[in-house]
């Protein structure tokens, strides 16, 4: 049984963002599995990947909302920056030998689901409107493809 389950009410309707959110949930579940196996090495690797991926997701999301002209982009970026500081503190504590897995999983799950349902849902209309405009540029160099390659190594 998974630690966190994705539910339809978390879908923003922006496929690329929803897929990234689902990947973060999967990583939180991987952290839970590593913890249950008592694998500190595996947990550390998941924590690093989770934080790195989340930073990339935030950068991608911020570029997307900025491109859309979302009025609260600056505030959204501040929320992300505070969250990154918080999870970096967890990583430092883990690296010092503290067992932070339970605390981190709980915080990540609560924060992510709350953030999606409130903060992220507020930009959906602006982003979808902009994506409709950008979808006309489906070329290899289209904005969405360029952004995916820029923020996620190996992305198409």
Protein backbone atom coordinates (compact mmCIF):
# COMPACT_ATOMS: atom_id res chain seq x y z
CA UNK A 1 0.00 0.00 0.00
CA UNK A 2 1.31 3.43 -0.98
CA UNK A 3 2.03 6.07 1.64
CA UNK A 4 0.33 8.71 -0.54
CA UNK A 5 -2.35 8.18 -3.16
CA UNK A 6 -3.06 10.56 -6.00
CA UNK A 7 -6.69 11.59 -6.29
CA UNK A 8 -8.50 13.27 -9.17
CA UNK A 9 -9.14 16.42 -7.14
CA UNK A 10 -5.38 17.09 -7.35
CA UNK A 11 -5.45 17.33 -11.16
CA UNK A 12 -4.90 20.87 -12.37
CA UNK A 13 -5.86 20.00 -15.92
CA UNK A 14 -2.36 20.94 -17.09
CA UNK A 15 -0.98 17.54 -18.08
CA UNK A 16 2.71 18.41 -17.86
CA UNK A 17 2.26 19.86 -14.34
CA UNK A 18 0.03 16.98 -13.19
CA UNK A 19 2.61 14.46 -14.42
CA UNK A 20 5.33 16.26 -12.47
CA UNK A 21 3.18 16.36 -9.33
CA UNK A 22 2.48 12.63 -9.70
CA UNK A 23 6.21 11.96 -9.99
CA UNK A 24 6.82 13.86 -6.74
CA UNK A 25 4.13 11.74 -5.04
CA UNK A 26 5.83 8.59 -6.40
CA UNK A 27 9.14 9.78 -4.93
CA UNK A 28 7.54 10.37 -1.54
CA UNK A 29 6.26 6.78 -1.75
CA UNK A 30 9.80 5.64 -2.65
CA UNK A 31 11.07 7.40 0.48
CA UNK A 32 8.48 5.51 2.52
CA UNK A 33 9.58 2.21 0.95
CA UNK A 34 13.25 2.97 1.66
CA UNK A 35 12.41 3.81 5.24
CA UNK A 36 10.45 0.58 5.71
CA UNK A 37 13.44 -1.37 4.34
CA UNK A 38 15.64 0.48 6.85
CA UNK A 39 17.94 1.53 4.02
CA UNK A 40 19.59 4.79 5.01
CA UNK A 41 21.60 4.83 1.77
CA UNK A 42 18.47 4.34 -0.35
CA UNK A 43 16.57 6.93 1.70
CA UNK A 44 19.38 9.44 1.21
CA UNK A 45 19.36 8.86 -2.55
CA UNK A 46 15.57 9.34 -2.69
CA UNK A 47 15.77 12.51 -0.58
CA UNK A 48 18.40 13.96 -2.92
CA UNK A 49 16.43 13.02 -6.04
CA UNK A 50 13.19 14.29 -4.55
CA UNK A 51 14.66 17.67 -3.63
CA UNK A 52 16.46 18.05 -6.96
CA UNK A 53 13.36 17.10 -8.94
CA UNK A 54 11.17 19.43 -6.88
CA UNK A 55 13.57 22.33 -7.52
CA UNK A 56 13.39 21.57 -11.27
CA UNK A 57 9.59 21.31 -11.11
CA UNK A 58 9.33 24.66 -9.34
CA UNK A 59 11.60 26.32 -11.89
CA UNK A 60 9.54 24.86 -14.74
CA UNK A 61 6.25 25.86 -13.13
CA UNK A 62 7.54 29.37 -12.42
CA UNK A 63 8.67 29.78 -16.04
CA UNK A 64 5.26 28.56 -17.18
CA UNK A 65 3.28 30.98 -14.99
CA UNK A 66 5.61 33.84 -15.81
CA UNK A 67 5.20 33.13 -19.54
CA UNK A 68 1.43 33.15 -18.99
CA UNK A 69 1.57 36.55 -17.31
CA UNK A 70 0.07 35.17 -14.08
CA UNK A 71 -0.48 38.16 -11.80
CA UNK A 72 0.75 36.42 -8.63
CA UNK A 73 3.95 34.91 -10.09
CA UNK A 74 6.21 36.75 -7.64
CA UNK A 75 4.25 35.54 -4.61
CA UNK A 76 4.15 31.99 -5.98
CA UNK A 77 7.94 32.05 -6.38
CA UNK A 78 8.33 33.18 -2.76
CA UNK A 79 6.21 30.24 -1.57
CA UNK A 80 8.44 27.89 -3.56
CA UNK A 81 11.64 29.49 -2.22
CA UNK A 82 10.47 29.10 1.39
CA UNK A 83 9.56 25.47 0.76
CA UNK A 84 12.95 24.70 -0.83
CA UNK A 85 14.69 26.24 2.20
CA UNK A 86 12.60 24.02 4.43
CA UNK A 87 13.40 20.78 2.59
CA UNK A 88 17.09 21.73 2.33
CA UNK A 89 17.07 21.97 6.13
CA UNK A 90 15.68 18.41 6.25
CA UNK A 91 18.44 17.23 3.91
CA UNK A 92 21.08 18.82 6.15
CA UNK A 93 19.57 17.18 9.22
CA UNK A 94 19.52 13.80 7.42
CA UNK A 95 23.15 14.25 6.39
CA UNK A 96 24.04 14.92 10.05
CA UNK A 97 22.54 11.54 10.93
CA UNK A 98 19.06 12.49 12.11
CA UNK A 99 16.16 10.18 11.27
CA UNK A 100 13.88 12.69 9.56
CA UNK A 101 12.02 10.36 7.17
CA UNK A 102 8.67 10.31 9.00
CA UNK A 103 8.71 14.04 9.59
CA UNK A 104 9.75 14.78 6.00
CA UNK A 105 7.15 12.46 4.44
CA UNK A 106 4.37 13.99 6.51
CA UNK A 107 5.38 17.54 5.75
CA UNK A 108 5.85 16.83 2.03
CA UNK A 109 2.48 15.15 1.64
CA UNK A 110 0.55 17.81 3.53
CA UNK A 111 2.36 20.70 1.86
CA UNK A 112 2.20 19.31 -1.68
CA UNK A 113 -1.50 18.47 -1.62
CA UNK A 114 -2.39 21.78 0.05
CA UNK A 115 -0.21 23.73 -2.41
CA UNK A 116 -1.77 22.02 -5.44
CA UNK A 117 -5.33 22.56 -4.20
CA UNK A 118 -4.82 26.21 -3.31
CA UNK A 119 -1.81 27.99 -4.82
CA UNK A 120 -1.48 25.97 -8.01
CA UNK A 121 -5.20 25.93 -8.76
CA UNK A 122 -5.12 29.74 -8.86
CA UNK A 123 -2.87 29.91 -11.95
CA UNK A 124 -4.59 27.21 -14.03
CA UNK A 125 -6.80 29.53 -16.08
CA UNK A 126 -3.92 31.84 -17.05
CA UNK A 127 -1.61 28.96 -17.93
CA UNK A 128 -4.24 27.06 -19.93
CA UNK A 129 -5.05 30.18 -21.92
CA UNK A 130 -1.36 30.69 -22.66
CA UNK A 131 -0.86 27.00 -23.52
CA UNK A 132 -3.63 27.20 -26.10
CA UNK A 133 -1.74 30.07 -27.70
CA UNK A 134 1.59 28.26 -27.47
CA UNK A 135 0.19 24.98 -28.81
CA UNK A 136 0.12 26.62 -32.22
CA UNK A 137 3.93 26.47 -31.99
CA UNK A 138 4.33 22.67 -31.91
CA UNK A 139 7.68 22.78 -33.66
CA UNK A 140 10.79 21.14 -32.22
CA UNK A 141 11.70 24.51 -30.79
CA UNK A 142 8.26 25.24 -29.28
CA UNK A 143 8.19 26.81 -25.82
CA UNK A 144 6.97 23.71 -24.00
CA UNK A 145 9.65 21.48 -25.54
CA UNK A 146 12.40 24.03 -24.89
CA UNK A 147 11.28 24.47 -21.28
CA UNK A 148 11.13 20.71 -20.71
CA UNK A 149 14.69 20.28 -21.98
CA UNK A 150 15.88 23.28 -19.98
CA UNK A 151 14.53 22.18 -16.60
CA UNK A 152 14.58 18.38 -16.85
CA UNK A 153 17.64 16.64 -18.22
CA UNK A 154 16.81 14.19 -20.99
CA UNK A 155 13.23 15.41 -21.39
CA UNK A 156 11.74 15.56 -24.86
